[in-house]
Amino acid sequence: MRLVRPDDDPYGIAAVEMVYLLATEEESPLFQRIDLTGEQSEILLKQGSLAPDIKNLVSKRSPLHDLSFEEQYRLTLHFLAAIRDLDADNWGKTDSLFYGARVLRALLRLFPDIVRHTRKMPTKLNYQDFTPYLRKIDKHSLGTEEIRAAQGSAGIKAIYDQMYNQVFS
């Protein structure tokens, strides 16, 4: 059961549905890796943390906006799979560079920029299209101390800005 479902906000509903699918579908790189209830302290990623950035992916300002929900979900799966493979041995562990909430949220903010930059139709994009962009991110800039220094939304923006400059410079 989805605990948070904003009935008067179609983008909010889509975000909640997508987070739910990302957490419950076996094909998802985030399968059983999102705490949907807020009661599983061993799971690092929380629905309430990811949902706002997922909502931005499906909003009017996003290049994913005109896609069907299924196409948005498929494209997000490809993007997350490309992220997972950057640190496959540590994915889902507390010491993973890309799995932490702040880094993953910053990467989700980078996702539409990469989609726009590819100049391909979003429905034609797949896992391999994201990998060259994501490999440009300096893993050393995502160390525990650097990420801890970035606090709150301003911190996620700072992480996003740093990644954006690495990917598109």
N, C-alpha and C. Protein backbone atom coordinates (compact mmCIF):
# COMPACT_ATOMS: atom_id res chain seq x y z
N MET A 1 0.84 -1.18 0.00
CA MET A 1 0.00 0.00 0.00
C MET A 1 0.88 1.24 0.00
N ARG A 2 0.55 2.20 -0.82
CA ARG A 2 1.31 3.43 -0.88
C ARG A 2 0.85 4.34 0.24
N LEU A 3 1.79 4.74 1.08
CA LEU A 3 1.44 5.53 2.25
C LEU A 3 1.22 7.00 1.92
N VAL A 4 1.87 7.48 0.89
CA VAL A 4 1.75 8.88 0.51
C VAL A 4 1.23 8.91 -0.92
N ARG A 5 0.05 9.47 -1.10
CA ARG A 5 -0.53 9.53 -2.44
C ARG A 5 -1.33 10.82 -2.55
N PRO A 6 -0.74 11.85 -3.15
CA PRO A 6 -1.42 13.15 -3.26
C PRO A 6 -2.48 13.12 -4.37
N ASP A 7 -3.72 12.88 -4.01
CA ASP A 7 -4.79 12.68 -4.98
C ASP A 7 -5.05 13.85 -5.91
N ASP A 8 -4.69 15.05 -5.50
CA ASP A 8 -4.98 16.22 -6.33
C ASP A 8 -3.77 16.68 -7.16
N ASP A 9 -2.74 15.86 -7.23
CA ASP A 9 -1.51 16.22 -7.93
C ASP A 9 -1.09 15.07 -8.85
N PRO A 10 -1.39 15.15 -10.15
CA PRO A 10 -1.07 14.03 -11.05
C PRO A 10 0.43 13.71 -11.11
N TYR A 11 1.29 14.73 -11.00
CA TYR A 11 2.73 14.46 -11.01
C TYR A 11 3.16 13.79 -9.72
N GLY A 12 2.55 14.17 -8.62
CA GLY A 12 2.82 13.53 -7.34
C GLY A 12 2.38 12.07 -7.36
N ILE A 13 1.22 11.82 -7.95
CA ILE A 13 0.73 10.44 -8.06
C ILE A 13 1.69 9.62 -8.91
N ALA A 14 2.12 10.16 -10.03
CA ALA A 14 3.07 9.45 -10.90
C ALA A 14 4.38 9.17 -10.16
N ALA A 15 4.84 10.14 -9.38
CA ALA A 15 6.08 9.95 -8.63
C ALA A 15 5.95 8.83 -7.60
N VAL A 16 4.84 8.84 -6.87
CA VAL A 16 4.62 7.81 -5.86
C VAL A 16 4.53 6.43 -6.53
N GLU A 17 3.82 6.35 -7.65
CA GLU A 17 3.70 5.08 -8.37
C GLU A 17 5.06 4.61 -8.86
N MET A 18 5.87 5.53 -9.38
CA MET A 18 7.18 5.14 -9.90
C MET A 18 8.10 4.68 -8.77
N VAL A 19 8.11 5.40 -7.67
CA VAL A 19 8.94 4.98 -6.53
C VAL A 19 8.50 3.60 -6.06
N TYR A 20 7.20 3.38 -6.00
CA TYR A 20 6.68 2.07 -5.59
C TYR A 20 7.16 0.97 -6.54
N LEU A 21 7.06 1.21 -7.84
CA LEU A 21 7.52 0.22 -8.81
C LEU A 21 9.02 0.00 -8.72
N LEU A 22 9.76 1.08 -8.55
CA LEU A 22 11.22 0.95 -8.43
C LEU A 22 11.60 0.10 -7.22
N ALA A 23 10.80 0.16 -6.18
CA ALA A 23 11.09 -0.58 -4.96
C ALA A 23 10.59 -2.02 -5.00
N THR A 24 9.57 -2.31 -5.83
CA THR A 24 8.91 -3.61 -5.76
C THR A 24 9.07 -4.50 -7.00
N GLU A 25 9.51 -3.94 -8.11
CA GLU A 25 9.67 -4.74 -9.32
C GLU A 25 11.07 -5.34 -9.37
N GLU A 26 11.16 -6.64 -9.60
CA GLU A 26 12.45 -7.34 -9.59
C GLU A 26 13.42 -6.81 -10.63
N GLU A 27 12.92 -6.26 -11.72
CA GLU A 27 13.80 -5.75 -12.78
C GLU A 27 14.49 -4.44 -12.39
N SER A 28 14.04 -3.82 -11.33
CA SER A 28 14.55 -2.52 -10.92
C SER A 28 15.87 -2.62 -10.17
N PRO A 29 16.83 -1.74 -10.50
CA PRO A 29 18.07 -1.69 -9.72
C PRO A 29 17.83 -1.30 -8.25
N LEU A 30 16.65 -0.77 -7.96
CA LEU A 30 16.31 -0.38 -6.59
C LEU A 30 15.33 -1.35 -5.93
N PHE A 31 15.20 -2.54 -6.52
CA PHE A 31 14.30 -3.56 -5.97
C PHE A 31 14.66 -3.84 -4.52
N GLN A 32 13.69 -3.68 -3.62
CA GLN A 32 13.84 -3.89 -2.19
C GLN A 32 14.94 -3.01 -1.57
N ARG A 33 15.20 -1.86 -2.21
CA ARG A 33 16.23 -0.95 -1.71
C ARG A 33 15.67 0.44 -1.39
N ILE A 34 14.35 0.56 -1.37
CA ILE A 34 13.69 1.82 -0.98
C ILE A 34 12.75 1.49 0.17
N ASP A 35 12.90 2.21 1.25
CA ASP A 35 12.01 2.06 2.40
C ASP A 35 10.72 2.82 2.10
N LEU A 36 9.65 2.08 1.88
CA LEU A 36 8.37 2.69 1.54
C LEU A 36 7.56 3.09 2.77
N THR A 37 7.94 2.59 3.93
CA THR A 37 7.14 2.83 5.13
C THR A 37 7.80 3.79 6.11
N GLY A 38 9.11 4.00 5.98
CA GLY A 38 9.82 4.82 6.95
C GLY A 38 10.16 4.06 8.21
N GLU A 39 9.94 2.76 8.20
CA GLU A 39 10.16 1.93 9.38
C GLU A 39 11.31 0.95 9.22
N GLN A 40 12.01 1.01 8.10
CA GLN A 40 13.10 0.06 7.86
C GLN A 40 14.43 0.81 7.88
N SER A 41 14.97 0.98 9.05
CA SER A 41 16.18 1.79 9.21
C SER A 41 17.38 1.21 8.48
N GLU A 42 17.39 -0.09 8.21
CA GLU A 42 18.52 -0.70 7.51
C GLU A 42 18.55 -0.34 6.02
N ILE A 43 17.44 0.17 5.48
CA ILE A 43 17.39 0.59 4.08
C ILE A 43 17.71 2.07 4.01
N LEU A 44 18.73 2.42 3.24
CA LEU A 44 19.22 3.80 3.18
C LEU A 44 18.27 4.75 2.45
N LEU A 45 17.66 4.29 1.38
CA LEU A 45 16.82 5.16 0.56
C LEU A 45 15.39 5.15 1.07
N LYS A 46 14.83 6.34 1.21
CA LYS A 46 13.48 6.49 1.72
C LYS A 46 12.57 7.05 0.63
N GLN A 47 11.33 6.59 0.59
CA GLN A 47 10.37 7.06 -0.39
C GLN A 47 10.26 8.57 -0.36
N GLY A 48 10.16 9.14 0.82
CA GLY A 48 9.99 10.59 0.97
C GLY A 48 11.19 11.38 0.47
N SER A 49 12.34 10.76 0.43
CA SER A 49 13.54 11.43 -0.05
C SER A 49 13.61 11.42 -1.57
N LEU A 50 13.26 10.29 -2.18
CA LEU A 50 13.37 10.15 -3.63
C LEU A 50 12.18 10.72 -4.40
N ALA A 51 11.00 10.67 -3.81
CA ALA A 51 9.78 11.07 -4.53
C ALA A 51 9.84 12.48 -5.11
N PRO A 52 10.36 13.50 -4.41
CA PRO A 52 10.40 14.84 -5.01
C PRO A 52 11.25 14.91 -6.28
N ASP A 53 12.36 14.18 -6.31
CA ASP A 53 13.20 14.20 -7.50
C ASP A 53 12.60 13.36 -8.63
N ILE A 54 11.91 12.30 -8.29
CA ILE A 54 11.17 11.52 -9.29
C ILE A 54 10.04 12.39 -9.84
N LYS A 55 9.37 13.14 -8.99
CA LYS A 55 8.29 14.02 -9.43
C LYS A 55 8.81 15.03 -10.46
N ASN A 56 10.00 15.55 -10.25
CA ASN A 56 10.60 16.48 -11.22
C ASN A 56 10.84 15.82 -12.57
N LEU A 57 11.09 14.51 -12.57
CA LEU A 57 11.32 13.80 -13.83
C LEU A 57 10.06 13.72 -14.69
N VAL A 58 8.91 13.70 -14.06
CA VAL A 58 7.67 13.53 -14.81
C VAL A 58 6.91 14.85 -14.98
N SER A 59 7.45 15.93 -14.44
CA SER A 59 6.76 17.23 -14.48
C SER A 59 6.86 17.86 -15.87
N LYS A 60 6.18 18.97 -16.03
CA LYS A 60 6.13 19.66 -17.32
C LYS A 60 7.50 20.13 -17.81
N ARG A 61 8.41 20.41 -16.89
CA ARG A 61 9.73 20.94 -17.28
C ARG A 61 10.69 19.85 -17.74
N SER A 62 10.33 18.61 -17.57
CA SER A 62 11.22 17.50 -17.87
C SER A 62 11.08 17.04 -19.32
N PRO A 63 12.19 16.60 -19.92
CA PRO A 63 12.09 16.03 -21.27
C PRO A 63 11.35 14.68 -21.29
N LEU A 64 11.05 14.14 -20.12
CA LEU A 64 10.30 12.89 -20.03
C LEU A 64 8.80 13.14 -19.96
N HIS A 65 8.41 14.41 -19.84
CA HIS A 65 7.00 14.78 -19.61
C HIS A 65 6.05 14.20 -20.65
N ASP A 66 6.41 14.23 -21.91
CA ASP A 66 5.50 13.79 -22.97
C ASP A 66 5.47 12.28 -23.17
N LEU A 67 6.27 11.56 -22.43
CA LEU A 67 6.29 10.11 -22.54
C LEU A 67 5.15 9.52 -21.70
N SER A 68 4.74 8.33 -22.05
CA SER A 68 3.75 7.63 -21.21
C SER A 68 4.44 7.24 -19.90
N PHE A 69 3.65 6.91 -18.91
CA PHE A 69 4.22 6.50 -17.63
C PHE A 69 5.12 5.28 -17.81
N GLU A 70 4.71 4.33 -18.62
CA GLU A 70 5.51 3.13 -18.86
C GLU A 70 6.85 3.48 -19.51
N GLU A 71 6.84 4.42 -20.45
CA GLU A 71 8.10 4.86 -21.09
C GLU A 71 8.99 5.61 -20.09
N GLN A 72 8.40 6.43 -19.25
CA GLN A 72 9.17 7.13 -18.22
C GLN A 72 9.82 6.12 -17.28
N TYR A 73 9.06 5.14 -16.88
CA TYR A 73 9.57 4.11 -15.98
C TYR A 73 10.70 3.33 -16.64
N ARG A 74 10.50 2.90 -17.89
CA ARG A 74 11.53 2.14 -18.61
C ARG A 74 12.82 2.94 -18.73
N LEU A 75 12.70 4.20 -19.08
CA LEU A 75 13.87 5.05 -19.23
C LEU A 75 14.58 5.25 -17.88
N THR A 76 13.81 5.40 -16.83
CA THR A 76 14.39 5.53 -15.49
C THR A 76 15.12 4.24 -15.09
N LEU A 77 14.55 3.09 -15.44
CA LEU A 77 15.24 1.82 -15.17
C LEU A 77 16.59 1.77 -15.87
N HIS A 78 16.63 2.19 -17.13
CA HIS A 78 17.89 2.20 -17.88
C HIS A 78 18.92 3.12 -17.20
N PHE A 79 18.47 4.28 -16.79
CA PHE A 79 19.36 5.24 -16.15
C PHE A 79 19.90 4.67 -14.83
N LEU A 80 19.03 4.10 -14.02
CA LEU A 80 19.45 3.54 -12.74
C LEU A 80 20.36 2.33 -12.93
N ALA A 81 20.12 1.54 -13.96
CA ALA A 81 21.01 0.41 -14.23
C ALA A 81 22.40 0.89 -14.61
N ALA A 82 22.48 1.96 -15.38
CA ALA A 82 23.78 2.52 -15.74
C ALA A 82 24.49 3.04 -14.49
N ILE A 83 23.75 3.65 -13.57
CA ILE A 83 24.35 4.12 -12.31
C ILE A 83 24.84 2.94 -11.49
N ARG A 84 24.00 1.93 -11.35
CA ARG A 84 24.37 0.74 -10.56
C ARG A 84 25.68 0.13 -11.06
N ASP A 85 25.84 0.08 -12.36
CA ASP A 85 27.01 -0.58 -12.93
C ASP A 85 28.30 0.22 -12.74
N LEU A 86 28.19 1.48 -12.37
CA LEU A 86 29.39 2.27 -12.08
C LEU A 86 30.08 1.78 -10.81
N ASP A 87 29.31 1.18 -9.91
CA ASP A 87 29.84 0.70 -8.63
C ASP A 87 29.13 -0.60 -8.27
N ALA A 88 29.10 -1.54 -9.22
CA ALA A 88 28.31 -2.76 -9.10
C ALA A 88 28.65 -3.58 -7.86
N ASP A 89 29.91 -3.65 -7.49
CA ASP A 89 30.30 -4.46 -6.34
C ASP A 89 29.76 -3.93 -5.02
N ASN A 90 29.53 -2.63 -4.95
CA ASN A 90 29.08 -2.02 -3.70
C ASN A 90 27.63 -1.57 -3.74
N TRP A 91 26.94 -1.75 -4.86
CA TRP A 91 25.57 -1.24 -5.00
C TRP A 91 24.69 -1.76 -3.86
N GLY A 92 24.00 -0.85 -3.23
CA GLY A 92 23.10 -1.20 -2.15
C GLY A 92 23.76 -1.24 -0.79
N LYS A 93 25.08 -1.10 -0.75
CA LYS A 93 25.80 -1.10 0.52
C LYS A 93 26.03 0.34 0.98
N THR A 94 26.29 0.49 2.26
CA THR A 94 26.47 1.83 2.81
C THR A 94 27.71 2.52 2.26
N ASP A 95 28.69 1.76 1.77
CA ASP A 95 29.90 2.39 1.26
C ASP A 95 29.88 2.60 -0.26
N SER A 96 28.74 2.37 -0.90
CA SER A 96 28.63 2.62 -2.32
C SER A 96 28.68 4.12 -2.60
N LEU A 97 29.42 4.50 -3.61
CA LEU A 97 29.55 5.91 -3.95
C LEU A 97 28.27 6.48 -4.57
N PHE A 98 27.53 5.67 -5.28
CA PHE A 98 26.38 6.16 -6.04
C PHE A 98 25.03 5.81 -5.43
N TYR A 99 25.01 4.96 -4.41
CA TYR A 99 23.76 4.49 -3.84
C TYR A 99 23.21 5.38 -2.73
N GLY A 100 24.01 6.23 -2.16
CA GLY A 100 23.55 7.09 -1.09
C GLY A 100 22.45 8.04 -1.55
N ALA A 101 21.59 8.43 -0.62
CA ALA A 101 20.42 9.24 -0.96
C ALA A 101 20.80 10.57 -1.62
N ARG A 102 21.78 11.27 -1.07
CA ARG A 102 22.14 12.58 -1.63
C ARG A 102 22.71 12.45 -3.04
N VAL A 103 23.59 11.49 -3.23
CA VAL A 103 24.20 11.30 -4.55
C VAL A 103 23.15 10.84 -5.55
N LEU A 104 22.32 9.90 -5.16
CA LEU A 104 21.30 9.40 -6.08
C LEU A 104 20.30 10.50 -6.44
N ARG A 105 19.94 11.33 -5.47
CA ARG A 105 19.04 12.46 -5.77
C ARG A 105 19.70 13.44 -6.74
N ALA A 106 20.98 13.70 -6.55
CA ALA A 106 21.69 14.60 -7.47
C ALA A 106 21.75 13.98 -8.86
N LEU A 107 21.96 12.66 -8.93
CA LEU A 107 21.98 11.98 -10.23
C LEU A 107 20.62 12.04 -10.91
N LEU A 108 19.55 11.91 -10.13
CA LEU A 108 18.21 12.02 -10.71
C LEU A 108 17.97 13.41 -11.26
N ARG A 109 18.57 14.41 -10.66
CA ARG A 109 18.47 15.78 -11.19
C ARG A 109 19.29 15.94 -12.47
N LEU A 110 20.34 15.17 -12.58
CA LEU A 110 21.19 15.20 -13.77
C LEU A 110 20.56 14.44 -14.95
N PHE A 111 19.72 13.50 -14.64
CA PHE A 111 19.08 12.64 -15.63
C PHE A 111 18.43 13.42 -16.79
N PRO A 112 17.57 14.42 -16.54
CA PRO A 112 16.97 15.17 -17.66
C PRO A 112 18.00 15.91 -18.50
N ASP A 113 19.06 16.40 -17.86
CA ASP A 113 20.12 17.10 -18.61
C ASP A 113 20.79 16.15 -19.59
N ILE A 114 21.03 14.93 -19.15
CA ILE A 114 21.66 13.94 -20.03
C ILE A 114 20.70 13.59 -21.16
N VAL A 115 19.43 13.41 -20.86
CA VAL A 115 18.44 13.09 -21.90
C VAL A 115 18.45 14.19 -22.96
N ARG A 116 18.43 15.44 -22.51
CA ARG A 116 18.44 16.56 -23.47
C ARG A 116 19.73 16.56 -24.29
N HIS A 117 20.85 16.30 -23.65
CA HIS A 117 22.15 16.38 -24.31
C HIS A 117 22.34 15.29 -25.36
N THR A 118 21.72 14.15 -25.18
CA THR A 118 21.90 13.05 -26.14
C THR A 118 21.32 13.39 -27.51
N ARG A 119 20.36 14.28 -27.52
CA ARG A 119 19.67 14.69 -28.76
C ARG A 119 19.00 13.52 -29.48
N LYS A 120 18.74 12.47 -28.73
CA LYS A 120 17.98 11.35 -29.26
C LYS A 120 16.56 11.46 -28.71
N MET A 121 15.65 10.85 -29.38
CA MET A 121 14.29 10.76 -28.85
C MET A 121 14.36 9.97 -27.55
N PRO A 122 13.76 10.45 -26.48
CA PRO A 122 13.84 9.72 -25.21
C PRO A 122 13.40 8.26 -25.31
N THR A 123 12.42 7.98 -26.18
CA THR A 123 11.95 6.60 -26.31
C THR A 123 13.00 5.70 -26.94
N LYS A 124 14.01 6.28 -27.57
CA LYS A 124 15.08 5.50 -28.23
C LYS A 124 16.28 5.28 -27.32
N LEU A 125 16.31 5.95 -26.17
CA LEU A 125 17.45 5.85 -25.26
C LEU A 125 17.43 4.53 -24.50
N ASN A 126 18.62 4.04 -24.21
CA ASN A 126 18.74 2.85 -23.38
C ASN A 126 19.96 2.96 -22.47
N TYR A 127 20.21 1.93 -21.76
CA TYR A 127 21.28 1.86 -20.77
C TYR A 127 22.62 2.39 -21.33
N GLN A 128 22.99 1.93 -22.51
CA GLN A 128 24.29 2.30 -23.09
C GLN A 128 24.40 3.78 -23.40
N ASP A 129 23.30 4.46 -23.61
CA ASP A 129 23.34 5.90 -23.90
C ASP A 129 23.72 6.72 -22.68
N PHE A 130 23.45 6.22 -21.49
CA PHE A 130 23.75 6.96 -20.26
C PHE A 130 25.16 6.71 -19.75
N THR A 131 25.70 5.55 -20.01
CA THR A 131 26.98 5.15 -19.45
C THR A 131 28.12 6.11 -19.76
N PRO A 132 28.31 6.58 -21.00
CA PRO A 132 29.44 7.49 -21.26
C PRO A 132 29.36 8.78 -20.45
N TYR A 133 28.17 9.27 -20.22
CA TYR A 133 28.00 10.48 -19.43
C TYR A 133 28.35 10.22 -17.96
N LEU A 134 27.80 9.14 -17.43
CA LEU A 134 27.99 8.85 -16.02
C LEU A 134 29.44 8.49 -15.68
N ARG A 135 30.15 7.92 -16.63
CA ARG A 135 31.56 7.57 -16.38
C ARG A 135 32.45 8.79 -16.24
N LYS A 136 31.98 9.94 -16.65
CA LYS A 136 32.76 11.17 -16.51
C LYS A 136 32.75 11.71 -15.07
N ILE A 137 31.88 11.18 -14.25
CA ILE A 137 31.80 11.65 -12.86
C ILE A 137 33.00 11.13 -12.09
N ASP A 138 33.69 12.03 -11.43
CA ASP A 138 34.87 11.70 -10.64
C ASP A 138 34.42 11.04 -9.34
N LYS A 139 34.69 9.75 -9.21
CA LYS A 139 34.28 9.00 -8.03
C LYS A 139 34.90 9.57 -6.75
N HIS A 140 36.08 10.13 -6.87
CA HIS A 140 36.75 10.68 -5.69
C HIS A 140 36.01 11.90 -5.14
N SER A 141 35.24 12.57 -6.00
CA SER A 141 34.49 13.73 -5.52
C SER A 141 33.24 13.32 -4.75
N LEU A 142 32.97 12.00 -4.72
CA LEU A 142 31.77 11.49 -4.04
C LEU A 142 32.11 10.77 -2.74
N GLY A 143 33.28 11.02 -2.21
CA GLY A 143 33.68 10.39 -0.96
C GLY A 143 32.77 10.79 0.19
N THR A 144 32.80 10.00 1.22
CA THR A 144 31.93 10.21 2.38
C THR A 144 32.07 11.61 2.96
N GLU A 145 33.29 12.08 3.13
CA GLU A 145 33.50 13.40 3.73
C GLU A 145 32.96 14.51 2.85
N GLU A 146 33.18 14.40 1.54
CA GLU A 146 32.69 15.42 0.62
C GLU A 146 31.16 15.49 0.61
N ILE A 147 30.54 14.34 0.66
CA ILE A 147 29.08 14.28 0.62
C ILE A 147 28.50 14.75 1.96
N ARG A 148 29.11 14.36 3.05
CA ARG A 148 28.63 14.83 4.37
C ARG A 148 28.71 16.34 4.48
N ALA A 149 29.69 16.93 3.85
CA ALA A 149 29.85 18.39 3.92
C ALA A 149 28.70 19.10 3.20
N ALA A 150 28.06 18.42 2.26
CA ALA A 150 26.94 19.01 1.52
C ALA A 150 25.66 18.72 2.28
N GLN A 151 25.07 19.73 2.87
CA GLN A 151 23.90 19.55 3.73
C GLN A 151 22.60 19.95 3.02
N GLY A 152 21.54 19.18 3.27
CA GLY A 152 20.20 19.53 2.83
C GLY A 152 20.06 19.70 1.33
N SER A 153 19.02 20.43 0.93
CA SER A 153 18.76 20.68 -0.49
C SER A 153 19.87 21.46 -1.14
N ALA A 154 20.44 22.40 -0.41
CA ALA A 154 21.57 23.16 -0.95
C ALA A 154 22.73 22.23 -1.23
N GLY A 155 22.90 21.23 -0.38
CA GLY A 155 23.97 20.26 -0.58
C GLY A 155 23.75 19.40 -1.81
N ILE A 156 22.52 18.98 -2.02
CA ILE A 156 22.21 18.18 -3.21
C ILE A 156 22.42 19.02 -4.46
N LYS A 157 22.05 20.28 -4.41
CA LYS A 157 22.30 21.18 -5.53
C LYS A 157 23.80 21.30 -5.79
N ALA A 158 24.59 21.39 -4.73
CA ALA A 158 26.04 21.49 -4.89
C ALA A 158 26.62 20.21 -5.51
N ILE A 159 26.11 19.05 -5.08
CA ILE A 159 26.55 17.77 -5.65
C ILE A 159 26.15 17.71 -7.12
N TYR A 160 24.91 18.10 -7.41
CA TYR A 160 24.43 18.14 -8.79
C TYR A 160 25.31 19.05 -9.64
N ASP A 161 25.58 20.26 -9.16
CA ASP A 161 26.41 21.21 -9.92
C ASP A 161 27.78 20.63 -10.21
N GLN A 162 28.36 19.98 -9.22
CA GLN A 162 29.68 19.37 -9.41
C GLN A 162 29.62 18.27 -10.48
N MET A 163 28.63 17.41 -10.41
CA MET A 163 28.47 16.34 -11.40
C MET A 163 28.20 16.93 -12.79
N TYR A 164 27.33 17.92 -12.83
CA TYR A 164 27.00 18.55 -14.12
C TYR A 164 28.28 19.08 -14.78
N ASN A 165 29.10 19.76 -14.02
CA ASN A 165 30.34 20.31 -14.57
C ASN A 165 31.29 19.20 -15.02
N GLN A 166 31.32 18.08 -14.32
CA GLN A 166 32.17 16.98 -14.72
C GLN A 166 31.67 16.32 -15.99
N VAL A 167 30.37 16.17 -16.10
CA VAL A 167 29.78 15.47 -17.25
C VAL A 167 29.77 16.34 -18.51
N PHE A 168 29.50 17.62 -18.35
CA PHE A 168 29.30 18.47 -19.53
C PHE A 168 30.42 19.46 -19.78
N SER A 169 31.54 19.36 -19.07
CA SER A 169 32.62 20.31 -19.33
C SER A 169 33.47 19.87 -20.51
